[in-house]
Amino acid sequence: MKFSEVTVVRIYLTETGELQKTLLAKLHDEEKVRGVTVFRGVSGFGRSGKVHSSTLLDLSLDLPLVIEFFDKPDKVNHILTHLRKILPAGHVVSWNAHVNED
């Protein structure tokens, strides 16, 4: 089995606002990354310390989101340069990984 190097990116947000929609459109339509997954958290908090959570009685639309994607390292570096303009500091984590290829 052959493996190639990739960079994985994880972006932490909340559901409020249009940032999720903007990011997905940018990653899909403009940057054409290999794939994107959006994870919706049931609870979480960030720098503010405010806990965002969901209960059976509350259909909150302010839950934590994680947007994750991967691609070739040079392509991801190019994408991150563009994303810095629209994402707040401290919301992006990335690391090197390997993906199996045919």
PDB file of N, CA and C in Angstrom:
ATOM      1  N   MET A   1       0.843  -1.158   0.000  1.00  0.00           N
ATOM      2  CA  MET A   1       0.000   0.000   0.000  1.00  0.00           C
ATOM      3  C   MET A   1       0.902   1.238   0.000  1.00  0.00           C
ATOM      4  N   LYS A   2       0.546   2.202  -0.809  1.00  0.00           N
ATOM      5  CA  LYS A   2       1.318   3.439  -0.940  1.00  0.00           C
ATOM      6  C   LYS A   2       0.644   4.558  -0.131  1.00  0.00           C
ATOM      7  N   PHE A   3       1.463   5.349   0.555  1.00  0.00           N
ATOM      8  CA  PHE A   3       0.962   6.473   1.333  1.00  0.00           C
ATOM      9  C   PHE A   3       1.594   7.764   0.836  1.00  0.00           C
ATOM     10  N   SER A   4       0.835   8.857   0.898  1.00  0.00           N
ATOM     11  CA  SER A   4       1.388  10.169   0.565  1.00  0.00           C
ATOM     12  C   SER A   4       1.133  11.122   1.730  1.00  0.00           C
ATOM     13  N   GLU A   5       1.969  12.151   1.819  1.00  0.00           N
ATOM     14  CA  GLU A   5       1.859  13.119   2.905  1.00  0.00           C
ATOM     15  C   GLU A   5       0.750  14.122   2.620  1.00  0.00           C
ATOM     16  N   VAL A   6      -0.021  14.425   3.652  1.00  0.00           N
ATOM     17  CA  VAL A   6      -1.079  15.430   3.580  1.00  0.00           C
ATOM     18  C   VAL A   6      -1.012  16.293   4.836  1.00  0.00           C
ATOM     19  N   THR A   7      -1.721  17.398   4.809  1.00  0.00           N
ATOM     20  CA  THR A   7      -1.911  18.220   6.000  1.00  0.00           C
ATOM     21  C   THR A   7      -3.397  18.210   6.331  1.00  0.00           C
ATOM     22  N   VAL A   8      -3.708  17.932   7.589  1.00  0.00           N
ATOM     23  CA  VAL A   8      -5.085  17.925   8.073  1.00  0.00           C
ATOM     24  C   VAL A   8      -5.333  19.254   8.788  1.00  0.00           C
ATOM     25  N   VAL A   9      -6.488  19.852   8.533  1.00  0.00           N
ATOM     26  CA  VAL A   9      -6.848  21.121   9.153  1.00  0.00           C
ATOM     27  C   VAL A   9      -8.165  20.952   9.887  1.00  0.00           C
ATOM     28  N   ARG A  10      -8.216  21.490  11.090  1.00  0.00           N
ATOM     29  CA  ARG A  10      -9.441  21.471  11.881  1.00  0.00           C
ATOM     30  C   ARG A  10      -9.743  22.911  12.287  1.00  0.00           C
ATOM     31  N   ILE A  11     -10.969  23.368  11.986  1.00  0.00           N
ATOM     32  CA  ILE A  11     -11.400  24.730  12.279  1.00  0.00           C
ATOM     33  C   ILE A  11     -12.534  24.666  13.294  1.00  0.00           C
ATOM     34  N   TYR A  12     -12.379  25.402  14.400  1.00  0.00           N
ATOM     35  CA  TYR A  12     -13.365  25.411  15.486  1.00  0.00           C
ATOM     36  C   TYR A  12     -14.225  26.664  15.397  1.00  0.00           C
ATOM     37  N   LEU A  13     -15.553  26.470  15.372  1.00  0.00           N
ATOM     38  CA  LEU A  13     -16.512  27.562  15.258  1.00  0.00           C
ATOM     39  C   LEU A  13     -17.740  27.244  16.105  1.00  0.00           C
ATOM     40  N   THR A  14     -18.717  28.155  16.076  1.00  0.00           N
ATOM     41  CA  THR A  14     -20.060  27.848  16.570  1.00  0.00           C
ATOM     42  C   THR A  14     -21.011  28.033  15.392  1.00  0.00           C
ATOM     43  N   GLU A  15     -22.219  27.536  15.553  1.00  0.00           N
ATOM     44  CA  GLU A  15     -23.188  27.557  14.454  1.00  0.00           C
ATOM     45  C   GLU A  15     -23.685  28.951  14.083  1.00  0.00           C
ATOM     46  N   THR A  16     -23.588  29.897  14.985  1.00  0.00           N
ATOM     47  CA  THR A  16     -24.135  31.225  14.714  1.00  0.00           C
ATOM     48  C   THR A  16     -23.388  31.898  13.564  1.00  0.00           C
ATOM     49  N   GLY A  17     -24.100  32.717  12.832  1.00  0.00           N
ATOM     50  CA  GLY A  17     -23.481  33.461  11.736  1.00  0.00           C
ATOM     51  C   GLY A  17     -23.410  32.667  10.446  1.00  0.00           C
ATOM     52  N   GLU A  18     -22.813  33.278   9.451  1.00  0.00           N
ATOM     53  CA  GLU A  18     -22.725  32.689   8.113  1.00  0.00           C
ATOM     54  C   GLU A  18     -21.353  32.095   7.807  1.00  0.00           C
ATOM     55  N   LEU A  19     -20.466  32.051   8.809  1.00  0.00           N
ATOM     56  CA  LEU A  19     -19.096  31.621   8.547  1.00  0.00           C
ATOM     57  C   LEU A  19     -19.004  30.186   8.045  1.00  0.00           C
ATOM     58  N   GLN A  20     -19.817  29.288   8.581  1.00  0.00           N
ATOM     59  CA  GLN A  20     -19.801  27.891   8.134  1.00  0.00           C
ATOM     60  C   GLN A  20     -20.128  27.805   6.646  1.00  0.00           C
ATOM     61  N   LYS A  21     -21.193  28.469   6.231  1.00  0.00           N
ATOM     62  CA  LYS A  21     -21.605  28.441   4.838  1.00  0.00           C
ATOM     63  C   LYS A  21     -20.525  29.045   3.936  1.00  0.00           C
ATOM     64  N   THR A  22     -19.935  30.150   4.375  1.00  0.00           N
ATOM     65  CA  THR A  22     -18.874  30.811   3.625  1.00  0.00           C
ATOM     66  C   THR A  22     -17.665  29.900   3.467  1.00  0.00           C
ATOM     67  N   LEU A  23     -17.261  29.252   4.569  1.00  0.00           N
ATOM     68  CA  LEU A  23     -16.106  28.346   4.519  1.00  0.00           C
ATOM     69  C   LEU A  23     -16.344  27.159   3.607  1.00  0.00           C
ATOM     70  N   LEU A  24     -17.517  26.540   3.725  1.00  0.00           N
ATOM     71  CA  LEU A  24     -17.810  25.376   2.882  1.00  0.00           C
ATOM     72  C   LEU A  24     -17.812  25.751   1.407  1.00  0.00           C
ATOM     73  N   ALA A  25     -18.399  26.876   1.073  1.00  0.00           N
ATOM     74  CA  ALA A  25     -18.411  27.322  -0.321  1.00  0.00           C
ATOM     75  C   ALA A  25     -16.986  27.581  -0.810  1.00  0.00           C
ATOM     76  N   LYS A  26     -16.188  28.235   0.013  1.00  0.00           N
ATOM     77  CA  LYS A  26     -14.806  28.539  -0.364  1.00  0.00           C
ATOM     78  C   LYS A  26     -13.998  27.255  -0.559  1.00  0.00           C
ATOM     79  N   LEU A  27     -14.105  26.322   0.390  1.00  0.00           N
ATOM     80  CA  LEU A  27     -13.336  25.076   0.300  1.00  0.00           C
ATOM     81  C   LEU A  27     -13.792  24.205  -0.860  1.00  0.00           C
ATOM     82  N   HIS A  28     -15.087  24.204  -1.150  1.00  0.00           N
ATOM     83  CA  HIS A  28     -15.620  23.379  -2.232  1.00  0.00           C
ATOM     84  C   HIS A  28     -15.463  24.040  -3.596  1.00  0.00           C
ATOM     85  N   ASP A  29     -15.965  25.245  -3.728  1.00  0.00           N
ATOM     86  CA  ASP A  29     -16.044  25.896  -5.040  1.00  0.00           C
ATOM     87  C   ASP A  29     -14.735  26.531  -5.489  1.00  0.00           C
ATOM     88  N   GLU A  30     -14.046  27.198  -4.573  1.00  0.00           N
ATOM     89  CA  GLU A  30     -12.839  27.924  -4.956  1.00  0.00           C
ATOM     90  C   GLU A  30     -11.570  27.090  -4.783  1.00  0.00           C
ATOM     91  N   GLU A  31     -11.393  26.478  -3.614  1.00  0.00           N
ATOM     92  CA  GLU A  31     -10.142  25.780  -3.303  1.00  0.00           C
ATOM     93  C   GLU A  31     -10.142  24.323  -3.761  1.00  0.00           C
ATOM     94  N   LYS A  32     -11.325  23.739  -3.919  1.00  0.00           N
ATOM     95  CA  LYS A  32     -11.485  22.365  -4.405  1.00  0.00           C
ATOM     96  C   LYS A  32     -10.619  21.354  -3.625  1.00  0.00           C
ATOM     97  N   VAL A  33     -10.793  21.379  -2.292  1.00  0.00           N
ATOM     98  CA  VAL A  33     -10.061  20.435  -1.449  1.00  0.00           C
ATOM     99  C   VAL A  33     -10.591  19.022  -1.663  1.00  0.00           C
ATOM    100  N   ARG A  34      -9.844  18.036  -1.208  1.00  0.00           N
ATOM    101  CA  ARG A  34     -10.196  16.632  -1.433  1.00  0.00           C
ATOM    102  C   ARG A  34     -11.511  16.243  -0.765  1.00  0.00           C
ATOM    103  N   GLY A  35     -11.828  16.872   0.332  1.00  0.00           N
ATOM    104  CA  GLY A  35     -13.070  16.571   1.032  1.00  0.00           C
ATOM    105  C   GLY A  35     -13.153  17.348   2.321  1.00  0.00           C
ATOM    106  N   VAL A  36     -14.355  17.574   2.797  1.00  0.00           N
ATOM    107  CA  VAL A  36     -14.591  18.340   4.018  1.00  0.00           C
ATOM    108  C   VAL A  36     -15.651  17.613   4.837  1.00  0.00           C
ATOM    109  N   THR A  37     -15.463  17.589   6.149  1.00  0.00           N
ATOM    110  CA  THR A  37     -16.466  17.052   7.055  1.00  0.00           C
ATOM    111  C   THR A  37     -16.766  18.103   8.103  1.00  0.00           C
ATOM    112  N   VAL A  38     -18.049  18.276   8.428  1.00  0.00           N
ATOM    113  CA  VAL A  38     -18.461  19.187   9.489  1.00  0.00           C
ATOM    114  C   VAL A  38     -19.019  18.337  10.629  1.00  0.00           C
ATOM    115  N   PHE A  39     -18.440  18.513  11.814  1.00  0.00           N
ATOM    116  CA  PHE A  39     -18.885  17.813  13.013  1.00  0.00           C
ATOM    117  C   PHE A  39     -19.642  18.810  13.881  1.00  0.00           C
ATOM    118  N   ARG A  40     -20.794  18.410  14.388  1.00  0.00           N
ATOM    119  CA  ARG A  40     -21.590  19.262  15.276  1.00  0.00           C
ATOM    120  C   ARG A  40     -21.463  18.718  16.689  1.00  0.00           C
ATOM    121  N   GLY A  41     -20.948  19.549  17.587  1.00  0.00           N
ATOM    122  CA  GLY A  41     -20.772  19.131  18.971  1.00  0.00           C
ATOM    123  C   GLY A  41     -22.063  19.212  19.761  1.00  0.00           C
ATOM    124  N   VAL A  42     -22.139  18.429  20.811  1.00  0.00           N
ATOM    125  CA  VAL A  42     -23.301  18.499  21.698  1.00  0.00           C
ATOM    126  C   VAL A  42     -23.043  19.468  22.838  1.00  0.00           C
ATOM    127  N   SER A  43     -21.760  19.783  23.074  1.00  0.00           N
ATOM    128  CA  SER A  43     -21.397  20.726  24.109  1.00  0.00           C
ATOM    129  C   SER A  43     -19.959  21.150  23.914  1.00  0.00           C
ATOM    130  N   GLY A  44     -19.635  22.361  24.358  1.00  0.00           N
ATOM    131  CA  GLY A  44     -18.258  22.817  24.288  1.00  0.00           C
ATOM    132  C   GLY A  44     -18.142  24.267  24.701  1.00  0.00           C
ATOM    133  N   PHE A  45     -16.892  24.715  24.883  1.00  0.00           N
ATOM    134  CA  PHE A  45     -16.648  26.119  25.192  1.00  0.00           C
ATOM    135  C   PHE A  45     -15.310  26.515  24.604  1.00  0.00           C
ATOM    136  N   GLY A  46     -15.167  27.800  24.385  1.00  0.00           N
ATOM    137  CA  GLY A  46     -13.935  28.341  23.835  1.00  0.00           C
ATOM    138  C   GLY A  46     -13.297  29.316  24.788  1.00  0.00           C
ATOM    139  N   ARG A  47     -12.551  30.242  24.233  1.00  0.00           N
ATOM    140  CA  ARG A  47     -11.796  31.217  25.011  1.00  0.00           C
ATOM    141  C   ARG A  47     -12.667  32.033  25.963  1.00  0.00           C
ATOM    142  N   SER A  48     -13.904  32.319  25.552  1.00  0.00           N
ATOM    143  CA  SER A  48     -14.789  33.136  26.397  1.00  0.00           C
ATOM    144  C   SER A  48     -15.225  32.400  27.656  1.00  0.00           C
ATOM    145  N   GLY A  49     -15.155  31.077  27.631  1.00  0.00           N
ATOM    146  CA  GLY A  49     -15.605  30.284  28.763  1.00  0.00           C
ATOM    147  C   GLY A  49     -17.096  30.007  28.763  1.00  0.00           C
ATOM    148  N   LYS A  50     -17.821  30.617  27.829  1.00  0.00           N
ATOM    149  CA  LYS A  50     -19.268  30.390  27.739  1.00  0.00           C
ATOM    150  C   LYS A  50     -19.520  28.988  27.197  1.00  0.00           C
ATOM    151  N   VAL A  51     -20.305  28.200  27.920  1.00  0.00           N
ATOM    152  CA  VAL A  51     -20.602  26.831  27.501  1.00  0.00           C
ATOM    153  C   VAL A  51     -21.759  26.851  26.509  1.00  0.00           C
ATOM    154  N   HIS A  52     -21.557  26.233  25.369  1.00  0.00           N
ATOM    155  CA  HIS A  52     -22.596  26.060  24.349  1.00  0.00           C
ATOM    156  C   HIS A  52     -23.010  24.600  24.433  1.00  0.00           C
ATOM    157  N   SER A  53     -24.280  24.355  24.679  1.00  0.00           N
ATOM    158  CA  SER A  53     -24.719  22.962  24.805  1.00  0.00           C
ATOM    159  C   SER A  53     -26.150  22.802  24.333  1.00  0.00           C
ATOM    160  N   SER A  54     -26.539  21.551  24.169  1.00  0.00           N
ATOM    161  CA  SER A  54     -27.876  21.212  23.703  1.00  0.00           C
ATOM    162  C   SER A  54     -28.538  20.324  24.738  1.00  0.00           C
ATOM    163  N   THR A  55     -29.829  20.553  24.947  1.00  0.00           N
ATOM    164  CA  THR A  55     -30.607  19.686  25.823  1.00  0.00           C
ATOM    165  C   THR A  55     -31.852  19.264  25.051  1.00  0.00           C
ATOM    166  N   LEU A  56     -32.596  18.345  25.611  1.00  0.00           N
ATOM    167  CA  LEU A  56     -33.821  17.894  24.956  1.00  0.00           C
ATOM    168  C   LEU A  56     -34.850  19.013  24.853  1.00  0.00           C
ATOM    169  N   LEU A  57     -34.797  19.982  25.772  1.00  0.00           N
ATOM    170  CA  LEU A  57     -35.753  21.081  25.775  1.00  0.00           C
ATOM    171  C   LEU A  57     -35.282  22.265  24.943  1.00  0.00           C
ATOM    172  N   ASP A  58     -34.045  22.226  24.503  1.00  0.00           N
ATOM    173  CA  ASP A  58     -33.438  23.366  23.819  1.00  0.00           C
ATOM    174  C   ASP A  58     -32.884  22.921  22.477  1.00  0.00           C
ATOM    175  N   LEU A  59     -33.393  23.486  21.417  1.00  0.00           N
ATOM    176  CA  LEU A  59     -32.856  23.195  20.087  1.00  0.00           C
ATOM    177  C   LEU A  59     -31.910  24.322  19.684  1.00  0.00           C
ATOM    178  N   SER A  60     -30.827  24.445  20.425  1.00  0.00           N
ATOM    179  CA  SER A  60     -29.875  25.533  20.246  1.00  0.00           C
ATOM    180  C   SER A  60     -29.250  25.509  18.856  1.00  0.00           C
ATOM    181  N   LEU A  61     -29.085  26.696  18.292  1.00  0.00           N
ATOM    182  CA  LEU A  61     -28.370  26.839  17.029  1.00  0.00           C
ATOM    183  C   LEU A  61     -27.045  27.549  17.258  1.00  0.00           C
ATOM    184  N   ASP A  62     -26.520  27.400  18.460  1.00  0.00           N
ATOM    185  CA  ASP A  62     -25.250  28.012  18.812  1.00  0.00           C
ATOM    186  C   ASP A  62     -24.286  26.955  19.332  1.00  0.00           C
ATOM    187  N   LEU A  63     -24.363  25.754  18.768  1.00  0.00           N
ATOM    188  CA  LEU A  63     -23.509  24.652  19.212  1.00  0.00           C
ATOM    189  C   LEU A  63     -22.134  24.730  18.557  1.00  0.00           C
ATOM    190  N   PRO A  64     -21.145  24.062  19.170  1.00  0.00           N
ATOM    191  CA  PRO A  64     -19.812  24.035  18.579  1.00  0.00           C
ATOM    192  C   PRO A  64     -19.805  23.256  17.261  1.00  0.00           C
ATOM    193  N   LEU A  65     -19.006  23.728  16.333  1.00  0.00           N
ATOM    194  CA  LEU A  65     -18.788  23.044  15.057  1.00  0.00           C
ATOM    195  C   LEU A  65     -17.293  22.843  14.843  1.00  0.00           C
ATOM    196  N   VAL A  66     -16.950  21.736  14.223  1.00  0.00           N
ATOM    197  CA  VAL A  66     -15.587  21.502  13.778  1.00  0.00           C
ATOM    198  C   VAL A  66     -15.653  21.213  12.285  1.00  0.00           C
ATOM    199  N   ILE A  67     -14.941  21.993  11.504  1.00  0.00           N
ATOM    200  CA  ILE A  67     -14.830  21.760  10.064  1.00  0.00           C
ATOM    201  C   ILE A  67     -13.446  21.192   9.828  1.00  0.00           C
ATOM    202  N   GLU A  68     -13.391  20.025   9.208  1.00  0.00           N
ATOM    203  CA  GLU A  68     -12.106  19.348   9.006  1.00  0.00           C
ATOM    204  C   GLU A  68     -11.909  19.018   7.534  1.00  0.00           C
ATOM    205  N   PHE A  69     -10.677  19.223   7.052  1.00  0.00           N
ATOM    206  CA  PHE A  69     -10.335  18.850   5.681  1.00  0.00           C
ATOM    207  C   PHE A  69      -8.861  18.502   5.601  1.00  0.00           C
ATOM    208  N   PHE A  70      -8.476  17.847   4.506  1.00  0.00           N
ATOM    209  CA  PHE A  70      -7.057  17.560   4.279  1.00  0.00           C
ATOM    210  C   PHE A  70      -6.757  17.646   2.796  1.00  0.00           C
ATOM    211  N   ASP A  71      -5.510  17.902   2.498  1.00  0.00           N
ATOM    212  CA  ASP A  71      -5.034  17.931   1.112  1.00  0.00           C
ATOM    213  C   ASP A  71      -3.510  17.967   1.138  1.00  0.00           C
ATOM    214  N   LYS A  72      -2.910  18.123  -0.020  1.00  0.00           N
ATOM    215  CA  LYS A  72      -1.452  18.204  -0.112  1.00  0.00           C
ATOM    216  C   LYS A  72      -0.958  19.400   0.698  1.00  0.00           C
ATOM    217  N   PRO A  73       0.189  19.273   1.367  1.00  0.00           N
ATOM    218  CA  PRO A  73       0.681  20.350   2.231  1.00  0.00           C
ATOM    219  C   PRO A  73       0.791  21.708   1.546  1.00  0.00           C
ATOM    220  N   ASP A  74       1.296  21.777   0.321  1.00  0.00           N
ATOM    221  CA  ASP A  74       1.435  23.078  -0.344  1.00  0.00           C
ATOM    222  C   ASP A  74       0.071  23.712  -0.648  1.00  0.00           C
ATOM    223  N   LYS A  75      -0.899  22.883  -1.002  1.00  0.00           N
ATOM    224  CA  LYS A  75      -2.241  23.389  -1.271  1.00  0.00           C
ATOM    225  C   LYS A  75      -2.887  23.906   0.016  1.00  0.00           C
ATOM    226  N   VAL A  76      -2.717  23.170   1.117  1.00  0.00           N
ATOM    227  CA  VAL A  76      -3.290  23.590   2.398  1.00  0.00           C
ATOM    228  C   VAL A  76      -2.656  24.901   2.859  1.00  0.00           C
ATOM    229  N   ASN A  77      -1.349  25.048   2.702  1.00  0.00           N
ATOM    230  CA  ASN A  77      -0.697  26.304   3.078  1.00  0.00           C
ATOM    231  C   ASN A  77      -1.277  27.482   2.303  1.00  0.00           C
ATOM    232  N   HIS A  78      -1.527  27.274   1.016  1.00  0.00           N
ATOM    233  CA  HIS A  78      -2.136  28.301   0.172  1.00  0.00           C
ATOM    234  C   HIS A  78      -3.551  28.644   0.681  1.00  0.00           C
ATOM    235  N   ILE A  79      -4.331  27.624   1.011  1.00  0.00           N
ATOM    236  CA  ILE A  79      -5.696  27.812   1.509  1.00  0.00           C
ATOM    237  C   ILE A  79      -5.683  28.560   2.843  1.00  0.00           C
ATOM    238  N   LEU A  80      -4.785  28.168   3.742  1.00  0.00           N
ATOM    239  CA  LEU A  80      -4.722  28.800   5.056  1.00  0.00           C
ATOM    240  C   LEU A  80      -4.362  30.283   4.951  1.00  0.00           C
ATOM    241  N   THR A  81      -3.577  30.640   3.959  1.00  0.00           N
ATOM    242  CA  THR A  81      -3.259  32.049   3.723  1.00  0.00           C
ATOM    243  C   THR A  81      -4.535  32.836   3.447  1.00  0.00           C
ATOM    244  N   HIS A  82      -5.435  32.268   2.659  1.00  0.00           N
ATOM    245  CA  HIS A  82      -6.711  32.925   2.359  1.00  0.00           C
ATOM    246  C   HIS A  82      -7.653  32.916   3.567  1.00  0.00           C
ATOM    247  N   LEU A  83      -7.665  31.813   4.315  1.00  0.00           N
ATOM    248  CA  LEU A  83      -8.591  31.692   5.442  1.00  0.00           C
ATOM    249  C   LEU A  83      -8.226  32.616   6.597  1.00  0.00           C
ATOM    250  N   ARG A  84      -6.954  32.979   6.720  1.00  0.00           N
ATOM    251  CA  ARG A  84      -6.534  33.885   7.796  1.00  0.00           C
ATOM    252  C   ARG A  84      -7.289  35.207   7.745  1.00  0.00           C
ATOM    253  N   LYS A  85      -7.738  35.578   6.556  1.00  0.00           N
ATOM    254  CA  LYS A  85      -8.450  36.846   6.383  1.00  0.00           C
ATOM    255  C   LYS A  85      -9.870  36.807   6.943  1.00  0.00           C
ATOM    256  N   ILE A  86     -10.453  35.602   7.063  1.00  0.00           N
ATOM    257  CA  ILE A  86     -11.851  35.514   7.492  1.00  0.00           C
ATOM    258  C   ILE A  86     -12.050  34.778   8.815  1.00  0.00           C
ATOM    259  N   LEU A  87     -11.003  34.127   9.343  1.00  0.00           N
ATOM    260  CA  LEU A  87     -11.143  33.374  10.587  1.00  0.00           C
ATOM    261  C   LEU A  87     -10.478  34.099  11.752  1.00  0.00           C
ATOM    262  N   PRO A  88     -11.101  34.051  12.926  1.00  0.00           N
ATOM    263  CA  PRO A  88     -10.466  34.659  14.101  1.00  0.00           C
ATOM    264  C   PRO A  88      -9.216  33.862  14.512  1.00  0.00           C
ATOM    265  N   ALA A  89      -8.275  34.536  15.124  1.00  0.00           N
ATOM    266  CA  ALA A  89      -7.056  33.876  15.606  1.00  0.00           C
ATOM    267  C   ALA A  89      -7.415  32.807  16.640  1.00  0.00           C
ATOM    268  N   GLY A  90      -6.659  31.723  16.641  1.00  0.00           N
ATOM    269  CA  GLY A  90      -6.844  30.673  17.632  1.00  0.00           C
ATOM    270  C   GLY A  90      -7.919  29.662  17.324  1.00  0.00           C
ATOM    271  N   HIS A  91      -8.436  29.646  16.102  1.00  0.00           N
ATOM    272  CA  HIS A  91      -9.523  28.724  15.758  1.00  0.00           C
ATOM    273  C   HIS A  91      -9.110  27.652  14.752  1.00  0.00           C
ATOM    274  N   VAL A  92      -7.836  27.627  14.335  1.00  0.00           N
ATOM    275  CA  VAL A  92      -7.384  26.673  13.324  1.00  0.00           C
ATOM    276  C   VAL A  92      -6.231  25.845  13.882  1.00  0.00           C
ATOM    277  N   VAL A  93      -6.347  24.527  13.744  1.00  0.00           N
ATOM    278  CA  VAL A  93      -5.301  23.598  14.149  1.00  0.00           C
ATOM    279  C   VAL A  93      -4.957  22.758  12.928  1.00  0.00           C
ATOM    280  N   SER A  94      -3.668  22.488  12.717  1.00  0.00           N
ATOM    281  CA  SER A  94      -3.292  21.636  11.578  1.00  0.00           C
ATOM    282  C   SER A  94      -2.136  20.729  11.973  1.00  0.00           C
ATOM    283  N   TRP A  95      -2.029  19.599  11.265  1.00  0.00           N
ATOM    284  CA  TRP A  95      -0.934  18.663  11.505  1.00  0.00           C
ATOM    285  C   TRP A  95      -0.684  17.837  10.258  1.00  0.00           C
ATOM    286  N   ASN A  96       0.511  17.271  10.168  1.00  0.00           N
ATOM    287  CA  ASN A  96       0.882  16.409   9.047  1.00  0.00           C
ATOM    288  C   ASN A  96       0.347  15.007   9.289  1.00  0.00           C
ATOM    289  N   ALA A  97      -0.069  14.359   8.214  1.00  0.00           N
ATOM    290  CA  ALA A  97      -0.572  12.986   8.296  1.00  0.00           C
ATOM    291  C   ALA A  97      -0.223  12.272   6.989  1.00  0.00           C
ATOM    292  N   HIS A  98      -0.610  11.014   6.903  1.00  0.00           N
ATOM    293  CA  HIS A  98      -0.399  10.237   5.671  1.00  0.00           C
ATOM    294  C   HIS A  98      -1.720   9.624   5.250  1.00  0.00           C
ATOM    295  N   VAL A  99      -1.973   9.617   3.953  1.00  0.00           N
ATOM    296  CA  VAL A  99      -3.201   9.042   3.413  1.00  0.00           C
ATOM    297  C   VAL A  99      -2.829   7.901   2.470  1.00  0.00           C
ATOM    298  N   ASN A 100      -3.620   6.844   2.508  1.00  0.00           N
ATOM    299  CA  ASN A 100      -3.352   5.720   1.618  1.00  0.00           C
ATOM    300  C   ASN A 100      -3.808   6.058   0.201  1.00  0.00           C
ATOM    301  N   GLU A 101      -2.976   5.720  -0.761  1.00  0.00           N
ATOM    302  CA  GLU A 101      -3.263   5.956  -2.175  1.00  0.00           C
ATOM    303  C   GLU A 101      -3.307   4.606  -2.890  1.00  0.00           C
ATOM    304  N   ASP A 102      -3.952   4.588  -4.032  1.00  0.00           N
ATOM    305  CA  ASP A 102      -3.975   3.339  -4.828  1.00  0.00           C
ATOM    306  C   ASP A 102      -2.651   3.112  -5.505  1.00  0.00           C
TER     307      ASP A 102
END
